[in-house]
Amino acid sequence: MGDPTTTLDERFSAPGASAVPWPRTRDTLASAQLFALTTVRADGRPHQSPLVAVWLDDAIFFSTGPTEQKHRNLEINPNVLLTTGPNDWQNGLEVVVEGVAERVTDRELLERLVTAWAGKWDGQWEYTADEQGFRHMGDFEVHVYQVKPTKILAFGKAPLTHTRYRF
């Protein structure tokens, strides 16, 4: 995937502000340790939960157990939002990713993701890969999802900026 089309929304940005450069937003996604995942329940209500995720190959990957609410929601509606940022009014960058979650079963990609998860969290998230996804602690089945962004919003502070990236 090449660089996205970047647009500054001046209505929600400080006078004279510039769009947040894509490399800064991409680095924020790559370094974030925690995301909030929003899915949609069968009755249309939103469901949100915090989780760890990995930015790799221009996509975000996350995992969930097959009995968890977010997994059940994804079986019905794969549209998701993933958000991350410091939750600070004066500093940092808040990022919102829109896309469709697709289950990952490619063993080679799963092996790469096992390495990425272990490296990002200093070995605290230990997975192994199999044909279904991940195994946690040798037993617990974990499904892995990939979200290729369709749109990303970046909200900068000091100065306030509202940047949209389209893919």
Protein backbone atom coordinates (compact mmCIF):
# COMPACT_ATOMS: atom_id res chain seq x y z
CA MET A 1 0.00 0.00 0.00
CA GLY A 2 1.35 3.41 -0.91
CA ASP A 3 0.98 6.57 1.05
CA PRO A 4 -2.64 7.61 1.55
CA THR A 5 -4.32 10.74 0.26
CA THR A 6 -3.98 13.25 3.11
CA THR A 7 -6.44 16.07 3.81
CA LEU A 8 -6.53 18.67 6.58
CA ASP A 9 -10.04 19.55 7.74
CA GLU A 10 -9.62 23.24 8.45
CA ARG A 11 -13.03 23.43 10.18
CA PHE A 12 -11.61 21.51 13.13
CA SER A 13 -7.99 22.67 12.98
CA ALA A 14 -6.24 25.70 14.42
CA PRO A 15 -5.68 28.59 12.00
CA GLY A 16 -2.51 27.99 9.99
CA ALA A 17 -2.20 24.36 11.12
CA SER A 18 -0.86 21.71 8.75
CA ALA A 19 -1.99 18.15 8.20
CA VAL A 20 -0.25 15.60 10.39
CA PRO A 21 2.39 13.92 8.20
CA TRP A 22 1.56 10.28 7.41
CA PRO A 23 4.88 8.98 8.83
CA ARG A 24 4.02 10.44 12.25
CA THR A 25 0.59 8.81 12.24
CA ARG A 26 2.03 5.51 11.02
CA ASP A 27 4.67 5.63 13.78
CA THR A 28 1.95 6.29 16.37
CA LEU A 29 0.09 3.18 15.18
CA ALA A 30 3.27 1.10 15.24
CA SER A 31 4.33 2.16 18.75
CA ALA A 32 0.91 2.10 20.47
CA GLN A 33 0.59 -0.63 23.05
CA LEU A 34 -3.14 -0.36 23.63
CA PHE A 35 -6.07 0.22 21.30
CA ALA A 36 -9.82 0.42 21.85
CA LEU A 37 -11.71 -1.83 19.43
CA THR A 38 -15.29 -0.89 18.57
CA THR A 39 -17.51 -3.55 17.01
CA VAL A 40 -21.26 -3.69 16.39
CA ARG A 41 -23.58 -6.12 18.17
CA ALA A 42 -26.30 -8.03 16.33
CA ASP A 43 -28.91 -5.54 17.59
CA GLY A 44 -26.88 -2.56 16.33
CA ARG A 45 -25.51 -1.40 19.67
CA PRO A 46 -21.77 -0.63 19.80
CA HIS A 47 -19.36 -2.72 21.84
CA GLN A 48 -15.92 -1.50 22.81
CA SER A 49 -13.03 -3.19 24.54
CA PRO A 50 -9.35 -2.40 25.05
CA LEU A 51 -6.84 -4.76 23.47
CA VAL A 52 -3.28 -5.06 22.27
CA ALA A 53 -2.67 -4.81 18.54
CA VAL A 54 0.21 -4.79 16.07
CA TRP A 55 0.76 -2.54 13.04
CA LEU A 56 2.45 -4.65 10.36
CA ASP A 57 2.47 -4.48 6.55
CA ASP A 58 0.21 -1.40 6.53
CA ALA A 59 -2.53 -3.11 8.55
CA ILE A 60 -3.56 -3.50 12.19
CA PHE A 61 -3.80 -6.99 13.64
CA PHE A 62 -5.63 -7.90 16.83
CA SER A 63 -6.75 -11.10 18.50
CA THR A 64 -9.77 -12.37 20.40
CA GLY A 65 -11.04 -15.62 21.82
CA PRO A 66 -13.81 -17.38 19.87
CA THR A 67 -16.26 -17.05 22.80
CA GLU A 68 -15.72 -13.32 23.38
CA GLN A 69 -18.37 -10.73 22.53
CA LYS A 70 -16.16 -8.95 19.99
CA HIS A 71 -15.66 -12.23 18.10
CA ARG A 72 -19.40 -12.89 18.00
CA ASN A 73 -19.95 -9.33 16.76
CA LEU A 74 -17.36 -9.75 14.00
CA GLU A 75 -19.13 -12.87 12.73
CA ILE A 76 -22.19 -10.70 12.04
CA ASN A 77 -20.62 -7.36 11.11
CA PRO A 78 -16.88 -7.07 10.35
CA ASN A 79 -16.81 -3.24 10.30
CA VAL A 80 -14.63 -1.89 13.10
CA LEU A 81 -12.96 1.15 14.57
CA LEU A 82 -9.62 0.97 16.37
CA THR A 83 -8.51 4.01 18.35
CA THR A 84 -5.32 4.88 20.17
CA GLY A 85 -3.66 7.91 21.68
CA PRO A 86 -2.55 9.48 24.94
CA ASN A 87 -5.99 10.82 25.97
CA ASP A 88 -4.40 14.17 26.78
CA TRP A 89 -5.92 17.50 25.77
CA GLN A 90 -2.61 19.31 25.22
CA ASN A 91 -0.18 16.70 23.88
CA GLY A 92 0.12 13.76 21.54
CA LEU A 93 -1.85 12.36 18.67
CA GLU A 94 -5.19 10.54 18.80
CA VAL A 95 -5.71 8.13 15.89
CA VAL A 96 -8.92 6.45 14.67
CA VAL A 97 -8.74 3.63 12.12
CA GLU A 98 -11.79 2.53 10.12
CA GLY A 99 -11.86 -0.75 8.25
CA VAL A 100 -13.14 -4.28 7.88
CA ALA A 101 -11.76 -7.03 10.12
CA GLU A 102 -10.80 -10.20 8.25
CA ARG A 103 -9.74 -13.40 9.96
CA VAL A 104 -6.11 -14.43 9.43
CA THR A 105 -5.35 -18.13 8.91
CA ASP A 106 -2.21 -17.89 6.76
CA ARG A 107 0.40 -19.77 8.78
CA GLU A 108 3.38 -17.77 7.50
CA LEU A 109 1.73 -14.46 8.39
CA LEU A 110 0.66 -15.82 11.78
CA GLU A 111 4.27 -16.84 12.53
CA ARG A 112 5.41 -13.30 11.70
CA LEU A 113 2.70 -11.93 13.97
CA VAL A 114 3.77 -14.19 16.86
CA THR A 115 7.23 -12.62 16.58
CA ALA A 116 5.79 -9.11 16.32
CA TRP A 117 3.60 -9.56 19.42
CA ALA A 118 6.48 -10.97 21.47
CA GLY A 119 8.87 -8.22 20.42
CA LYS A 120 6.48 -5.36 20.94
CA TRP A 121 5.55 -6.26 24.50
CA ASP A 122 8.92 -7.57 25.62
CA GLY A 123 7.73 -11.18 25.63
CA GLN A 124 4.63 -10.55 27.77
CA TRP A 125 2.26 -11.82 25.06
CA GLU A 126 3.45 -15.31 24.25
CA TYR A 127 1.63 -16.98 21.40
CA THR A 128 2.28 -19.87 19.08
CA ALA A 129 0.69 -20.14 15.64
CA ASP A 130 -1.43 -22.94 14.20
CA GLU A 131 -3.97 -23.33 11.39
CA GLN A 132 -6.71 -21.55 13.36
CA GLY A 133 -4.72 -18.56 14.61
CA PHE A 134 -2.79 -18.33 17.86
CA ARG A 135 -2.53 -20.48 20.93
CA HIS A 136 -1.98 -18.72 24.21
CA MET A 137 -0.21 -20.62 27.00
CA GLY A 138 -0.28 -23.70 24.77
CA ASP A 139 -4.02 -24.30 25.07
CA PHE A 140 -6.25 -21.28 24.70
CA GLU A 141 -7.44 -20.74 21.10
CA VAL A 142 -7.14 -17.16 19.86
CA HIS A 143 -8.43 -15.89 16.52
CA VAL A 144 -6.43 -13.21 14.74
CA TYR A 145 -7.93 -10.45 12.63
CA GLN A 146 -6.43 -8.03 10.14
CA VAL A 147 -7.80 -4.56 9.44
CA LYS A 148 -6.60 -2.84 6.29
CA PRO A 149 -7.56 0.78 6.83
CA THR A 150 -10.09 2.41 4.54
CA LYS A 151 -9.84 5.70 6.41
CA ILE A 152 -7.69 6.98 9.27
CA LEU A 153 -8.28 10.17 11.25
CA ALA A 154 -5.49 11.82 13.22
CA PHE A 155 -6.26 14.46 15.83
CA GLY A 156 -3.16 16.47 16.73
CA LYS A 157 -2.84 18.87 19.62
CA ALA A 158 -0.91 22.07 20.15
CA PRO A 159 -1.87 23.08 17.50
CA LEU A 160 -5.20 21.34 17.04
CA THR A 161 -5.38 19.48 13.74
CA HIS A 162 -7.88 17.16 12.13
CA THR A 163 -6.25 15.08 9.39
CA ARG A 164 -7.93 12.47 7.21
CA TYR A 165 -6.07 9.76 5.28
CA ARG A 166 -7.89 7.82 2.56
CA PHE A 167 -6.55 4.57 1.13
